[in-house]
Amino acid sequence: HGGFGWDFSFGNPEKINEMLDNFVVTGLTGIMATIITSSEEQTLKAIKDIVQVIKTRDALPIIHGIYLEGPFLSKEKCGSHQSDLLKATSIDLLKKYQEAAEGFIKVVTVAPELPNAIQFIKEAVAMGITVALGHTNADYKTTAKAVDAGATIVTHLFNAMPQLHHRDPNILTYILSHRDLAVELIADCEHV
């Protein structure tokens, strides 16, 4: 999402470059610019500013692409995402963002239990976007459908997800019993 007092969601090419310059001294040579749920106007601004940096930056770390962690998330599992800015899955909105990004959106997180989410996943994958599952209350069957539709990543496993329960198989049950998903962890000894 960011660091050193700045966030990719804020936009501003000068500040993004300054943040990246600070990252390189930590050994980071490449990054996926992740945008948290924001207003549509702010998301479009952040996207355009990130694209400007992608196209003009000539130093490490490079930005490999844009990762939309929202707004297609569960209100019940929104975590630090502002719930009133969450949206229903909309391939039209994703296309609008991708057009502004000039094709640089590479990953999007979606809660697969949202209405029309399975079709959204199929269409996002057809656009060349990797789909991550996260900020979700999905049950086992819905997760299986999402994976069948093309989802391949789990956004921060265990966080903003239901707890494991032996009589209520859910997304965690699916993830832990299959090997077909890449898993992100926030390995800070607090989240996991």
Foldseek 3Di string as FASTA:
>chain_A
DFDPPDALLQADLVVRVVRQVVVVVVVAQEEAREHAQDALVSLLRSLLRLLVCQVPPDGGNHHQAYEYADLQADLQLNVPGDSVRRDAQDLVSVVVSCVSNVNRQAEYEHAQVGPPNLVSLLVCVVSNHAYEYELYAFAQVSLVSNVVSHHAEYEAPPHNYDDDDPVTHGPNNNPVVDDRHHYDHPPPVPSD
